[in-house]
Amino acid sequence: MLCVSSHYPNKPSPYEALEQYKFPVGLLPKGATGYSLNEATGEFSAHLNGSCSFTLEKSYELRYEPVIKGLISEGRLQKLSGVSVKVALMWLNVVEVKRNHENLEFSVGFTSANFPIQNFEECPQCGCGLDCGGENGGVEENRASS
């Protein structure tokens, strides 16, 4: 798994915790610094170093706040906060994510969109999503031409 940036000696990583609830690791961007999970109530929070945004599938811009919270159960994340998507010129909060067989349904309350689960097998990287390319994580080196 390429998503883990920190070591979690006494518990699963945030990505492994998502997998335990039948979600792919790519729901969280690379570099999550920690998380908390109350297995009795399903209260879940994941922590990032700061805000994170990137474009997914060349048409959806996603933004993650430093703390993402919600209630997790098998195949369902509800009462989600800390994740938003840009639709047209407006930012809308993603309030629920449900796994429906091999698709993930993202809901902003009044509407939802389905995406193949395979789109989330890799963790996106802040700034460039899945299209980072190269070993520099999407950062192009400036080279003087002769």
Protein backbone atom coordinates (compact mmCIF):
# COMPACT_ATOMS: atom_id res chain seq x y z
CA MET A 1 0.00 0.00 0.00
CA LEU A 2 1.54 3.29 -1.11
CA CYS A 3 -0.66 5.55 1.01
CA VAL A 4 0.94 5.14 4.43
CA SER A 5 3.26 7.97 5.40
CA SER A 6 3.47 7.34 9.11
CA HIS A 7 3.99 4.25 11.22
CA TYR A 8 1.14 2.93 13.35
CA PRO A 9 2.70 0.32 15.66
CA ASN A 10 -0.30 -0.43 17.88
CA LYS A 11 -3.21 -0.06 15.48
CA PRO A 12 -4.02 -0.12 11.76
CA SER A 13 -3.22 2.92 9.62
CA PRO A 14 -6.13 5.20 8.64
CA TYR A 15 -6.10 3.51 5.22
CA GLU A 16 -6.25 0.03 6.73
CA ALA A 17 -9.11 1.19 8.96
CA LEU A 18 -11.05 2.24 5.85
CA GLU A 19 -10.43 -1.18 4.30
CA GLN A 20 -11.83 -2.88 7.41
CA TYR A 21 -15.13 -1.14 6.60
CA LYS A 22 -15.04 -2.19 2.90
CA PHE A 23 -13.77 1.14 1.55
CA PRO A 24 -10.78 1.59 -0.76
CA VAL A 25 -7.66 3.35 0.56
CA GLY A 26 -8.00 6.15 -2.01
CA LEU A 27 -10.82 7.84 -0.10
CA LEU A 28 -8.07 9.63 1.82
CA PRO A 29 -5.18 11.48 0.21
CA LYS A 30 -1.59 10.40 0.84
CA GLY A 31 -0.02 11.52 4.08
CA ALA A 32 -2.75 11.14 6.68
CA THR A 33 -1.04 11.83 10.00
CA GLY A 34 -3.46 9.98 12.25
CA TYR A 35 -7.01 9.04 13.01
CA SER A 36 -9.41 8.08 15.76
CA LEU A 37 -12.12 5.46 15.66
CA ASN A 38 -14.72 4.60 18.25
CA GLU A 39 -15.75 1.11 17.18
CA ALA A 40 -18.80 1.16 19.47
CA THR A 41 -20.34 4.33 17.96
CA GLY A 42 -18.65 4.41 14.54
CA GLU A 43 -17.28 7.91 15.12
CA PHE A 44 -14.29 8.31 12.82
CA SER A 45 -11.89 11.17 12.21
CA ALA A 46 -8.80 11.34 10.03
CA HIS A 47 -6.10 13.99 10.30
CA LEU A 48 -3.99 15.59 7.56
CA ASN A 49 -1.05 18.01 7.83
CA GLY A 50 -3.26 20.78 6.44
CA SER A 51 -5.91 21.45 3.83
CA CYS A 52 -5.57 19.46 0.64
CA SER A 53 -7.12 19.88 -2.79
CA PHE A 54 -6.75 18.18 -6.15
CA THR A 55 -8.65 17.42 -9.33
CA LEU A 56 -10.17 14.00 -9.86
CA GLU A 57 -11.08 12.70 -13.33
CA LYS A 58 -10.25 16.12 -14.86
CA SER A 59 -13.66 17.47 -13.89
CA TYR A 60 -14.11 17.29 -10.12
CA GLU A 61 -12.09 19.39 -7.73
CA LEU A 62 -11.99 17.96 -4.21
CA ARG A 63 -10.95 19.72 -1.04
CA TYR A 64 -10.10 18.07 2.28
CA GLU A 65 -9.88 20.03 5.51
CA PRO A 66 -7.16 19.13 8.06
CA VAL A 67 -9.72 17.02 9.96
CA ILE A 68 -12.30 14.79 8.27
CA LYS A 69 -15.07 13.43 10.51
CA GLY A 70 -18.02 11.12 10.13
CA LEU A 71 -19.80 7.99 11.24
CA ILE A 72 -18.44 4.83 9.64
CA SER A 73 -20.09 1.46 9.25
CA GLU A 74 -19.54 -1.29 6.73
CA GLY A 75 -19.81 0.30 3.29
CA ARG A 76 -21.15 3.62 4.58
CA LEU A 77 -19.66 6.92 5.75
CA GLN A 78 -22.37 9.33 6.89
CA LYS A 79 -22.60 12.72 8.59
CA LEU A 80 -19.33 13.45 6.85
CA SER A 81 -17.60 16.78 7.34
CA GLY A 82 -14.30 18.12 6.05
CA VAL A 83 -14.66 17.04 2.41
CA SER A 84 -16.12 19.22 -0.33
CA VAL A 85 -16.43 19.10 -4.11
CA LYS A 86 -16.55 21.98 -6.56
CA VAL A 87 -19.61 21.80 -8.80
CA ALA A 88 -19.80 24.58 -11.39
CA LEU A 89 -18.69 27.58 -9.32
CA MET A 90 -19.90 26.37 -5.93
CA TRP A 91 -18.24 24.26 -3.25
CA LEU A 92 -20.62 21.65 -1.83
CA ASN A 93 -20.02 19.50 1.22
CA VAL A 94 -19.87 15.76 0.64
CA VAL A 95 -22.15 14.45 3.39
CA GLU A 96 -22.20 10.72 2.68
CA VAL A 97 -20.25 8.03 0.83
CA LYS A 98 -21.83 4.61 0.27
CA ARG A 99 -20.37 1.51 -1.28
CA ASN A 100 -22.79 -0.03 -3.76
CA HIS A 101 -21.17 -3.24 -5.03
CA GLU A 102 -18.26 -2.03 -7.22
CA ASN A 103 -19.24 1.65 -7.10
CA LEU A 104 -18.98 4.44 -4.57
CA GLU A 105 -21.88 6.87 -4.30
CA PHE A 106 -20.93 10.37 -3.15
CA SER A 107 -23.82 12.48 -1.86
CA VAL A 108 -23.93 16.25 -1.33
CA GLY A 109 -27.42 16.03 0.16
CA PHE A 110 -29.72 16.87 -2.73
CA THR A 111 -27.86 14.89 -5.39
CA SER A 112 -25.28 12.16 -5.70
CA ALA A 113 -22.81 10.72 -8.20
CA ASN A 114 -21.47 7.19 -8.64
CA PHE A 115 -17.86 6.32 -9.41
CA PRO A 116 -16.20 2.95 -10.00
CA ILE A 117 -14.43 1.75 -6.87
CA GLN A 118 -11.34 1.04 -8.96
CA ASN A 119 -10.85 4.83 -9.25
CA PHE A 120 -9.97 4.80 -5.54
CA GLU A 121 -7.48 1.95 -5.39
CA GLU A 122 -4.61 4.47 -5.13
CA CYS A 123 -4.41 7.43 -2.79
CA PRO A 124 -4.47 10.83 -4.47
CA GLN A 125 -1.73 13.30 -3.67
CA CYS A 126 -2.47 16.84 -2.55
CA GLY A 127 -2.05 19.28 -5.40
CA CYS A 128 -2.04 16.81 -8.28
CA GLY A 129 -4.41 13.95 -7.41
CA LEU A 130 -3.56 10.79 -9.34
CA ASP A 131 -1.89 12.65 -12.23
CA CYS A 132 1.31 13.59 -10.45
CA GLY A 133 3.62 11.79 -12.85
CA GLY A 134 7.35 11.40 -12.52
CA GLU A 135 9.46 10.77 -9.48
CA ASN A 136 9.15 14.38 -8.31
CA GLY A 137 5.51 13.98 -7.35
CA GLY A 138 4.33 16.23 -10.14
CA VAL A 139 6.94 18.93 -9.52
CA GLU A 140 8.73 19.71 -12.75
CA GLU A 141 12.37 20.63 -12.53
CA ASN A 142 13.39 23.85 -14.19
CA ARG A 143 16.12 23.07 -16.66
CA ALA A 144 17.95 25.67 -18.64
CA SER A 145 17.98 24.87 -22.33
CA SER A 146 21.25 25.19 -24.19
